[in-house]
Amino acid sequence: TITLPFPSVGATENLMMAAVLAEGETILENAAMEPEIDDLADFLIAHGVNIEGAGTSRIVIQGTTTDKLKPTKSYRVIGDRMEAATYIIA
């Protein structure tokens, strides 16, 4: 179990990716709840990872039993909110 001192998108994403290949179950408490976290979870799920709670402050990830993820033919990443805002401001 890892409890973040404050919700952070970058920290949550990095911990999710590390947990995928870690042994056993990883629980992230006080995780970020932005759409990017949901999208990363959907991407990892498409590759065969068992993730529950994406979009909430508690994410549970079951580590894979192999050192590789299952391949997927394609995945469409969501648009970047920060890039869109930058274009609007410009």
PDB file of N, CA and C in Angstrom:
ATOM      1  N   THR A   1       0.848  -1.179   0.000  1.00  0.00           N
ATOM      2  CA  THR A   1       0.000   0.000   0.000  1.00  0.00           C
ATOM      3  C   THR A   1       0.889   1.237   0.000  1.00  0.00           C
ATOM      4  N   ILE A   2       0.599   2.135  -0.909  1.00  0.00           N
ATOM      5  CA  ILE A   2       1.323   3.399  -1.011  1.00  0.00           C
ATOM      6  C   ILE A   2       0.312   4.519  -0.875  1.00  0.00           C
ATOM      7  N   THR A   3       0.531   5.390   0.098  1.00  0.00           N
ATOM      8  CA  THR A   3      -0.344   6.540   0.302  1.00  0.00           C
ATOM      9  C   THR A   3       0.405   7.797  -0.125  1.00  0.00           C
ATOM     10  N   LEU A   4      -0.126   8.470  -1.120  1.00  0.00           N
ATOM     11  CA  LEU A   4       0.496   9.707  -1.582  1.00  0.00           C
ATOM     12  C   LEU A   4       0.159  10.836  -0.607  1.00  0.00           C
ATOM     13  N   PRO A   5       1.127  11.732  -0.312  1.00  0.00           N
ATOM     14  CA  PRO A   5       0.847  12.840   0.601  1.00  0.00           C
ATOM     15  C   PRO A   5      -0.169  13.822   0.018  1.00  0.00           C
ATOM     16  N   PHE A   6      -0.233  13.903  -1.323  1.00  0.00           N
ATOM     17  CA  PHE A   6      -1.243  14.707  -2.014  1.00  0.00           C
ATOM     18  C   PHE A   6      -1.448  14.071  -3.390  1.00  0.00           C
ATOM     19  N   PRO A   7      -2.644  14.200  -3.951  1.00  0.00           N
ATOM     20  CA  PRO A   7      -2.897  13.595  -5.258  1.00  0.00           C
ATOM     21  C   PRO A   7      -2.009  14.229  -6.330  1.00  0.00           C
ATOM     22  N   SER A   8      -1.286  13.414  -7.065  1.00  0.00           N
ATOM     23  CA  SER A   8      -0.389  13.880  -8.111  1.00  0.00           C
ATOM     24  C   SER A   8      -0.560  12.994  -9.333  1.00  0.00           C
ATOM     25  N   VAL A   9      -0.846  13.606 -10.480  1.00  0.00           N
ATOM     26  CA  VAL A   9      -1.038  12.838 -11.709  1.00  0.00           C
ATOM     27  C   VAL A   9       0.242  12.095 -12.072  1.00  0.00           C
ATOM     28  N   GLY A  10       1.353  12.802 -12.092  1.00  0.00           N
ATOM     29  CA  GLY A  10       2.627  12.179 -12.460  1.00  0.00           C
ATOM     30  C   GLY A  10       3.011  11.042 -11.529  1.00  0.00           C
ATOM     31  N   ALA A  11       2.867  11.264 -10.235  1.00  0.00           N
ATOM     32  CA  ALA A  11       3.213  10.220  -9.270  1.00  0.00           C
ATOM     33  C   ALA A  11       2.280   9.020  -9.413  1.00  0.00           C
ATOM     34  N   THR A  12       0.996   9.276  -9.583  1.00  0.00           N
ATOM     35  CA  THR A  12       0.028   8.189  -9.730  1.00  0.00           C
ATOM     36  C   THR A  12       0.335   7.374 -10.984  1.00  0.00           C
ATOM     37  N   GLU A  13       0.619   8.054 -12.096  1.00  0.00           N
ATOM     38  CA  GLU A  13       0.924   7.342 -13.341  1.00  0.00           C
ATOM     39  C   GLU A  13       2.183   6.488 -13.194  1.00  0.00           C
ATOM     40  N   ASN A  14       3.219   7.055 -12.620  1.00  0.00           N
ATOM     41  CA  ASN A  14       4.469   6.307 -12.457  1.00  0.00           C
ATOM     42  C   ASN A  14       4.294   5.105 -11.539  1.00  0.00           C
ATOM     43  N   LEU A  15       3.560   5.281 -10.456  1.00  0.00           N
ATOM     44  CA  LEU A  15       3.326   4.165  -9.542  1.00  0.00           C
ATOM     45  C   LEU A  15       2.468   3.083 -10.191  1.00  0.00           C
ATOM     46  N   MET A  16       1.485   3.483 -10.992  1.00  0.00           N
ATOM     47  CA  MET A  16       0.665   2.498 -11.696  1.00  0.00           C
ATOM     48  C   MET A  16       1.524   1.655 -12.631  1.00  0.00           C
ATOM     49  N   MET A  17       2.388   2.308 -13.391  1.00  0.00           N
ATOM     50  CA  MET A  17       3.229   1.573 -14.339  1.00  0.00           C
ATOM     51  C   MET A  17       4.224   0.667 -13.623  1.00  0.00           C
ATOM     52  N   ALA A  18       4.773   1.134 -12.504  1.00  0.00           N
ATOM     53  CA  ALA A  18       5.701   0.298 -11.741  1.00  0.00           C
ATOM     54  C   ALA A  18       4.980  -0.903 -11.137  1.00  0.00           C
ATOM     55  N   ALA A  19       3.750  -0.697 -10.678  1.00  0.00           N
ATOM     56  CA  ALA A  19       2.986  -1.762 -10.025  1.00  0.00           C
ATOM     57  C   ALA A  19       2.615  -2.881 -10.986  1.00  0.00           C
ATOM     58  N   VAL A  20       2.528  -2.570 -12.266  1.00  0.00           N
ATOM     59  CA  VAL A  20       2.130  -3.571 -13.258  1.00  0.00           C
ATOM     60  C   VAL A  20       3.085  -4.762 -13.242  1.00  0.00           C
ATOM     61  N   LEU A  21       4.374  -4.505 -13.159  1.00  0.00           N
ATOM     62  CA  LEU A  21       5.348  -5.590 -13.196  1.00  0.00           C
ATOM     63  C   LEU A  21       5.852  -5.987 -11.810  1.00  0.00           C
ATOM     64  N   ALA A  22       5.304  -5.377 -10.779  1.00  0.00           N
ATOM     65  CA  ALA A  22       5.671  -5.759  -9.411  1.00  0.00           C
ATOM     66  C   ALA A  22       4.904  -7.020  -9.016  1.00  0.00           C
ATOM     67  N   GLU A  23       5.468  -7.788  -8.114  1.00  0.00           N
ATOM     68  CA  GLU A  23       4.784  -8.994  -7.639  1.00  0.00           C
ATOM     69  C   GLU A  23       3.656  -8.619  -6.691  1.00  0.00           C
ATOM     70  N   GLY A  24       2.549  -9.341  -6.778  1.00  0.00           N
ATOM     71  CA  GLY A  24       1.451  -9.169  -5.837  1.00  0.00           C
ATOM     72  C   GLY A  24       0.572  -7.974  -6.151  1.00  0.00           C
ATOM     73  N   GLU A  25      -0.119  -7.534  -5.111  1.00  0.00           N
ATOM     74  CA  GLU A  25      -1.105  -6.460  -5.228  1.00  0.00           C
ATOM     75  C   GLU A  25      -0.519  -5.148  -4.733  1.00  0.00           C
ATOM     76  N   THR A  26      -0.748  -4.097  -5.497  1.00  0.00           N
ATOM     77  CA  THR A  26      -0.332  -2.754  -5.089  1.00  0.00           C
ATOM     78  C   THR A  26      -1.591  -1.913  -4.932  1.00  0.00           C
ATOM     79  N   ILE A  27      -1.687  -1.221  -3.806  1.00  0.00           N
ATOM     80  CA  ILE A  27      -2.825  -0.335  -3.543  1.00  0.00           C
ATOM     81  C   ILE A  27      -2.292   1.089  -3.466  1.00  0.00           C
ATOM     82  N   LEU A  28      -2.867   1.968  -4.264  1.00  0.00           N
ATOM     83  CA  LEU A  28      -2.506   3.384  -4.231  1.00  0.00           C
ATOM     84  C   LEU A  28      -3.625   4.147  -3.545  1.00  0.00           C
ATOM     85  N   GLU A  29      -3.292   4.791  -2.449  1.00  0.00           N
ATOM     86  CA  GLU A  29      -4.259   5.601  -1.702  1.00  0.00           C
ATOM     87  C   GLU A  29      -3.981   7.073  -1.981  1.00  0.00           C
ATOM     88  N   ASN A  30      -5.028   7.879  -2.001  1.00  0.00           N
ATOM     89  CA  ASN A  30      -4.943   9.312  -2.292  1.00  0.00           C
ATOM     90  C   ASN A  30      -4.394   9.549  -3.698  1.00  0.00           C
ATOM     91  N   ALA A  31      -4.778   8.666  -4.623  1.00  0.00           N
ATOM     92  CA  ALA A  31      -4.334   8.765  -6.013  1.00  0.00           C
ATOM     93  C   ALA A  31      -5.055   9.907  -6.721  1.00  0.00           C
ATOM     94  N   ALA A  32      -4.426  10.395  -7.779  1.00  0.00           N
ATOM     95  CA  ALA A  32      -5.054  11.430  -8.605  1.00  0.00           C
ATOM     96  C   ALA A  32      -6.272  10.834  -9.310  1.00  0.00           C
ATOM     97  N   MET A  33      -7.255  11.683  -9.627  1.00  0.00           N
ATOM     98  CA  MET A  33      -8.498  11.208 -10.234  1.00  0.00           C
ATOM     99  C   MET A  33      -8.778  11.867 -11.586  1.00  0.00           C
ATOM    100  N   GLU A  34      -7.759  12.420 -12.218  1.00  0.00           N
ATOM    101  CA  GLU A  34      -7.932  13.087 -13.507  1.00  0.00           C
ATOM    102  C   GLU A  34      -8.220  12.074 -14.619  1.00  0.00           C
ATOM    103  N   PRO A  35      -8.760  12.564 -15.752  1.00  0.00           N
ATOM    104  CA  PRO A  35      -9.067  11.666 -16.879  1.00  0.00           C
ATOM    105  C   PRO A  35      -7.848  10.908 -17.403  1.00  0.00           C
ATOM    106  N   GLU A  36      -6.669  11.495 -17.278  1.00  0.00           N
ATOM    107  CA  GLU A  36      -5.459  10.835 -17.758  1.00  0.00           C
ATOM    108  C   GLU A  36      -5.185   9.536 -16.996  1.00  0.00           C
ATOM    109  N   ILE A  37      -5.565   9.497 -15.734  1.00  0.00           N
ATOM    110  CA  ILE A  37      -5.391   8.284 -14.931  1.00  0.00           C
ATOM    111  C   ILE A  37      -6.323   7.190 -15.442  1.00  0.00           C
ATOM    112  N   ASP A  38      -7.563   7.552 -15.723  1.00  0.00           N
ATOM    113  CA  ASP A  38      -8.512   6.596 -16.305  1.00  0.00           C
ATOM    114  C   ASP A  38      -7.989   6.059 -17.635  1.00  0.00           C
ATOM    115  N   ASP A  39      -7.445   6.948 -18.452  1.00  0.00           N
ATOM    116  CA  ASP A  39      -6.965   6.542 -19.769  1.00  0.00           C
ATOM    117  C   ASP A  39      -5.773   5.596 -19.648  1.00  0.00           C
ATOM    118  N   LEU A  40      -4.849   5.896 -18.745  1.00  0.00           N
ATOM    119  CA  LEU A  40      -3.715   4.995 -18.531  1.00  0.00           C
ATOM    120  C   LEU A  40      -4.202   3.639 -18.042  1.00  0.00           C
ATOM    121  N   ALA A  41      -5.164   3.633 -17.140  1.00  0.00           N
ATOM    122  CA  ALA A  41      -5.723   2.376 -16.648  1.00  0.00           C
ATOM    123  C   ALA A  41      -6.366   1.596 -17.792  1.00  0.00           C
ATOM    124  N   ASP A  42      -7.124   2.275 -18.649  1.00  0.00           N
ATOM    125  CA  ASP A  42      -7.747   1.609 -19.794  1.00  0.00           C
ATOM    126  C   ASP A  42      -6.695   1.020 -20.726  1.00  0.00           C
ATOM    127  N   PHE A  43      -5.607   1.765 -20.928  1.00  0.00           N
ATOM    128  CA  PHE A  43      -4.510   1.282 -21.769  1.00  0.00           C
ATOM    129  C   PHE A  43      -3.886   0.019 -21.174  1.00  0.00           C
ATOM    130  N   LEU A  44      -3.606   0.061 -19.874  1.00  0.00           N
ATOM    131  CA  LEU A  44      -2.996  -1.096 -19.219  1.00  0.00           C
ATOM    132  C   LEU A  44      -3.948  -2.291 -19.195  1.00  0.00           C
ATOM    133  N   ILE A  45      -5.227  -2.029 -18.988  1.00  0.00           N
ATOM    134  CA  ILE A  45      -6.227  -3.102 -19.008  1.00  0.00           C
ATOM    135  C   ILE A  45      -6.274  -3.741 -20.398  1.00  0.00           C
ATOM    136  N   ALA A  46      -6.144  -2.927 -21.453  1.00  0.00           N
ATOM    137  CA  ALA A  46      -6.125  -3.453 -22.817  1.00  0.00           C
ATOM    138  C   ALA A  46      -4.944  -4.391 -23.035  1.00  0.00           C
ATOM    139  N   HIS A  47      -3.916  -4.234 -22.215  1.00  0.00           N
ATOM    140  CA  HIS A  47      -2.725  -5.089 -22.288  1.00  0.00           C
ATOM    141  C   HIS A  47      -2.771  -6.224 -21.271  1.00  0.00           C
ATOM    142  N   GLY A  48      -3.935  -6.437 -20.670  1.00  0.00           N
ATOM    143  CA  GLY A  48      -4.114  -7.591 -19.799  1.00  0.00           C
ATOM    144  C   GLY A  48      -3.880  -7.377 -18.320  1.00  0.00           C
ATOM    145  N   VAL A  49      -3.712  -6.136 -17.887  1.00  0.00           N
ATOM    146  CA  VAL A  49      -3.476  -5.847 -16.473  1.00  0.00           C
ATOM    147  C   VAL A  49      -4.805  -5.758 -15.725  1.00  0.00           C
ATOM    148  N   ASN A  50      -4.833  -6.248 -14.502  1.00  0.00           N
ATOM    149  CA  ASN A  50      -6.036  -6.183 -13.662  1.00  0.00           C
ATOM    150  C   ASN A  50      -5.940  -4.943 -12.778  1.00  0.00           C
ATOM    151  N   ILE A  51      -6.767  -3.935 -13.071  1.00  0.00           N
ATOM    152  CA  ILE A  51      -6.784  -2.673 -12.320  1.00  0.00           C
ATOM    153  C   ILE A  51      -8.213  -2.366 -11.915  1.00  0.00           C
ATOM    154  N   GLU A  52      -8.385  -1.988 -10.662  1.00  0.00           N
ATOM    155  CA  GLU A  52      -9.700  -1.585 -10.157  1.00  0.00           C
ATOM    156  C   GLU A  52      -9.586  -0.228  -9.492  1.00  0.00           C
ATOM    157  N   GLY A  53     -10.615   0.582  -9.626  1.00  0.00           N
ATOM    158  CA  GLY A  53     -10.693   1.854  -8.915  1.00  0.00           C
ATOM    159  C   GLY A  53     -10.127   3.053  -9.636  1.00  0.00           C
ATOM    160  N   ALA A  54      -9.742   2.906 -10.891  1.00  0.00           N
ATOM    161  CA  ALA A  54      -9.234   4.071 -11.620  1.00  0.00           C
ATOM    162  C   ALA A  54     -10.329   5.129 -11.660  1.00  0.00           C
ATOM    163  N   GLY A  55      -9.948   6.366 -11.422  1.00  0.00           N
ATOM    164  CA  GLY A  55     -10.931   7.443 -11.353  1.00  0.00           C
ATOM    165  C   GLY A  55     -11.381   7.725  -9.937  1.00  0.00           C
ATOM    166  N   THR A  56     -10.898   6.906  -9.000  1.00  0.00           N
ATOM    167  CA  THR A  56     -11.176   7.131  -7.583  1.00  0.00           C
ATOM    168  C   THR A  56      -9.843   7.378  -6.875  1.00  0.00           C
ATOM    169  N   SER A  57      -9.905   7.707  -5.619  1.00  0.00           N
ATOM    170  CA  SER A  57      -8.664   7.965  -4.892  1.00  0.00           C
ATOM    171  C   SER A  57      -7.973   6.683  -4.413  1.00  0.00           C
ATOM    172  N   ARG A  58      -8.585   5.527  -4.688  1.00  0.00           N
ATOM    173  CA  ARG A  58      -7.994   4.237  -4.296  1.00  0.00           C
ATOM    174  C   ARG A  58      -7.946   3.328  -5.518  1.00  0.00           C
ATOM    175  N   ILE A  59      -6.728   3.019  -5.956  1.00  0.00           N
ATOM    176  CA  ILE A  59      -6.527   2.178  -7.129  1.00  0.00           C
ATOM    177  C   ILE A  59      -5.826   0.898  -6.689  1.00  0.00           C
ATOM    178  N   VAL A  60      -6.358  -0.234  -7.133  1.00  0.00           N
ATOM    179  CA  VAL A  60      -5.774  -1.531  -6.803  1.00  0.00           C
ATOM    180  C   VAL A  60      -5.274  -2.171  -8.091  1.00  0.00           C
ATOM    181  N   ILE A  61      -3.992  -2.549  -8.101  1.00  0.00           N
ATOM    182  CA  ILE A  61      -3.371  -3.125  -9.284  1.00  0.00           C
ATOM    183  C   ILE A  61      -2.789  -4.484  -8.924  1.00  0.00           C
ATOM    184  N   GLN A  62      -3.149  -5.498  -9.698  1.00  0.00           N
ATOM    185  CA  GLN A  62      -2.570  -6.827  -9.533  1.00  0.00           C
ATOM    186  C   GLN A  62      -1.356  -6.911 -10.445  1.00  0.00           C
ATOM    187  N   GLY A  63      -0.195  -7.175  -9.870  1.00  0.00           N
ATOM    188  CA  GLY A  63       1.011  -7.318 -10.673  1.00  0.00           C
ATOM    189  C   GLY A  63       0.892  -8.505 -11.609  1.00  0.00           C
ATOM    190  N   THR A  64       1.536  -8.405 -12.767  1.00  0.00           N
ATOM    191  CA  THR A  64       1.482  -9.501 -13.735  1.00  0.00           C
ATOM    192  C   THR A  64       2.371 -10.637 -13.266  1.00  0.00           C
ATOM    193  N   THR A  65       2.086 -11.821 -13.752  1.00  0.00           N
ATOM    194  CA  THR A  65       2.891 -12.978 -13.380  1.00  0.00           C
ATOM    195  C   THR A  65       4.024 -13.208 -14.368  1.00  0.00           C
ATOM    196  N   THR A  66       4.096 -12.372 -15.391  1.00  0.00           N
ATOM    197  CA  THR A  66       5.182 -12.449 -16.362  1.00  0.00           C
ATOM    198  C   THR A  66       5.868 -11.098 -16.421  1.00  0.00           C
ATOM    199  N   ASP A  67       6.939 -11.027 -17.178  1.00  0.00           N
ATOM    200  CA  ASP A  67       7.633  -9.744 -17.312  1.00  0.00           C
ATOM    201  C   ASP A  67       7.217  -8.997 -18.579  1.00  0.00           C
ATOM    202  N   LYS A  68       6.127  -9.460 -19.207  1.00  0.00           N
ATOM    203  CA  LYS A  68       5.651  -8.809 -20.427  1.00  0.00           C
ATOM    204  C   LYS A  68       4.146  -8.598 -20.359  1.00  0.00           C
ATOM    205  N   LEU A  69       3.688  -7.578 -21.059  1.00  0.00           N
ATOM    206  CA  LEU A  69       2.258  -7.325 -21.187  1.00  0.00           C
ATOM    207  C   LEU A  69       1.753  -7.984 -22.462  1.00  0.00           C
ATOM    208  N   LYS A  70       0.460  -8.244 -22.501  1.00  0.00           N
ATOM    209  CA  LYS A  70      -0.151  -8.809 -23.708  1.00  0.00           C
ATOM    210  C   LYS A  70      -0.202  -7.728 -24.781  1.00  0.00           C
ATOM    211  N   PRO A  71       0.051  -8.101 -26.017  1.00  0.00           N
ATOM    212  CA  PRO A  71      -0.025  -7.090 -27.084  1.00  0.00           C
ATOM    213  C   PRO A  71      -1.474  -6.706 -27.391  1.00  0.00           C
ATOM    214  N   THR A  72      -1.632  -5.521 -27.912  1.00  0.00           N
ATOM    215  CA  THR A  72      -2.934  -5.069 -28.385  1.00  0.00           C
ATOM    216  C   THR A  72      -2.725  -4.453 -29.767  1.00  0.00           C
ATOM    217  N   LYS A  73      -3.712  -4.577 -30.625  1.00  0.00           N
ATOM    218  CA  LYS A  73      -3.549  -4.077 -32.002  1.00  0.00           C
ATOM    219  C   LYS A  73      -3.503  -2.559 -32.056  1.00  0.00           C
ATOM    220  N   SER A  74      -4.388  -1.913 -31.303  1.00  0.00           N
ATOM    221  CA  SER A  74      -4.406  -0.450 -31.330  1.00  0.00           C
ATOM    222  C   SER A  74      -5.051   0.089 -30.056  1.00  0.00           C
ATOM    223  N   TYR A  75      -4.720   1.334 -29.762  1.00  0.00           N
ATOM    224  CA  TYR A  75      -5.324   2.025 -28.629  1.00  0.00           C
ATOM    225  C   TYR A  75      -5.313   3.515 -28.945  1.00  0.00           C
ATOM    226  N   ARG A  76      -6.438   4.178 -28.735  1.00  0.00           N
ATOM    227  CA  ARG A  76      -6.524   5.618 -29.000  1.00  0.00           C
ATOM    228  C   ARG A  76      -6.431   6.374 -27.678  1.00  0.00           C
ATOM    229  N   VAL A  77      -5.403   7.190 -27.557  1.00  0.00           N
ATOM    230  CA  VAL A  77      -5.166   7.977 -26.352  1.00  0.00           C
ATOM    231  C   VAL A  77      -6.085   9.195 -26.368  1.00  0.00           C
ATOM    232  N   ILE A  78      -6.596   9.584 -25.192  1.00  0.00           N
ATOM    233  CA  ILE A  78      -7.456  10.766 -25.114  1.00  0.00           C
ATOM    234  C   ILE A  78      -6.656  12.024 -25.417  1.00  0.00           C
ATOM    235  N   GLY A  79      -7.359  13.083 -25.787  1.00  0.00           N
ATOM    236  CA  GLY A  79      -6.713  14.363 -26.041  1.00  0.00           C
ATOM    237  C   GLY A  79      -6.137  14.946 -24.757  1.00  0.00           C
ATOM    238  N   ASP A  80      -5.125  15.762 -24.912  1.00  0.00           N
ATOM    239  CA  ASP A  80      -4.443  16.374 -23.769  1.00  0.00           C
ATOM    240  C   ASP A  80      -5.123  17.694 -23.417  1.00  0.00           C
ATOM    241  N   ARG A  81      -5.671  17.775 -22.209  1.00  0.00           N
ATOM    242  CA  ARG A  81      -6.379  18.988 -21.763  1.00  0.00           C
ATOM    243  C   ARG A  81      -5.456  20.192 -21.686  1.00  0.00           C
ATOM    244  N   MET A  82      -4.234  19.996 -21.267  1.00  0.00           N
ATOM    245  CA  MET A  82      -3.291  21.111 -21.125  1.00  0.00           C
ATOM    246  C   MET A  82      -2.893  21.672 -22.493  1.00  0.00           C
ATOM    247  N   GLU A  83      -2.692  20.778 -23.461  1.00  0.00           N
ATOM    248  CA  GLU A  83      -2.384  21.245 -24.815  1.00  0.00           C
ATOM    249  C   GLU A  83      -3.553  22.027 -25.395  1.00  0.00           C
ATOM    250  N   ALA A  84      -4.765  21.536 -25.192  1.00  0.00           N
ATOM    251  CA  ALA A  84      -5.948  22.242 -25.688  1.00  0.00           C
ATOM    252  C   ALA A  84      -6.052  23.628 -25.061  1.00  0.00           C
ATOM    253  N   ALA A  85      -5.823  23.716 -23.769  1.00  0.00           N
ATOM    254  CA  ALA A  85      -5.891  25.007 -23.087  1.00  0.00           C
ATOM    255  C   ALA A  85      -4.817  25.955 -23.604  1.00  0.00           C
ATOM    256  N   THR A  86      -3.621  25.418 -23.899  1.00  0.00           N
ATOM    257  CA  THR A  86      -2.539  26.242 -24.433  1.00  0.00           C
ATOM    258  C   THR A  86      -2.932  26.835 -25.775  1.00  0.00           C
ATOM    259  N   TYR A  87      -3.543  26.035 -26.653  1.00  0.00           N
ATOM    260  CA  TYR A  87      -3.977  26.540 -27.953  1.00  0.00           C
ATOM    261  C   TYR A  87      -5.071  27.586 -27.786  1.00  0.00           C
ATOM    262  N   ILE A  88      -5.988  27.373 -26.855  1.00  0.00           N
ATOM    263  CA  ILE A  88      -7.061  28.342 -26.629  1.00  0.00           C
ATOM    264  C   ILE A  88      -6.507  29.678 -26.152  1.00  0.00           C
ATOM    265  N   ILE A  89      -5.561  29.626 -25.232  1.00  0.00           N
ATOM    266  CA  ILE A  89      -4.946  30.848 -24.706  1.00  0.00           C
ATOM    267  C   ILE A  89      -4.158  31.575 -25.799  1.00  0.00           C
ATOM    268  N   ALA A  90      -3.450  30.799 -26.619  1.00  0.00           N
ATOM    269  CA  ALA A  90      -2.637  31.402 -27.701  1.00  0.00           C
ATOM    270  C   ALA A  90      -3.550  32.102 -28.691  1.00  0.00           C
TER     271      ALA A  90
END
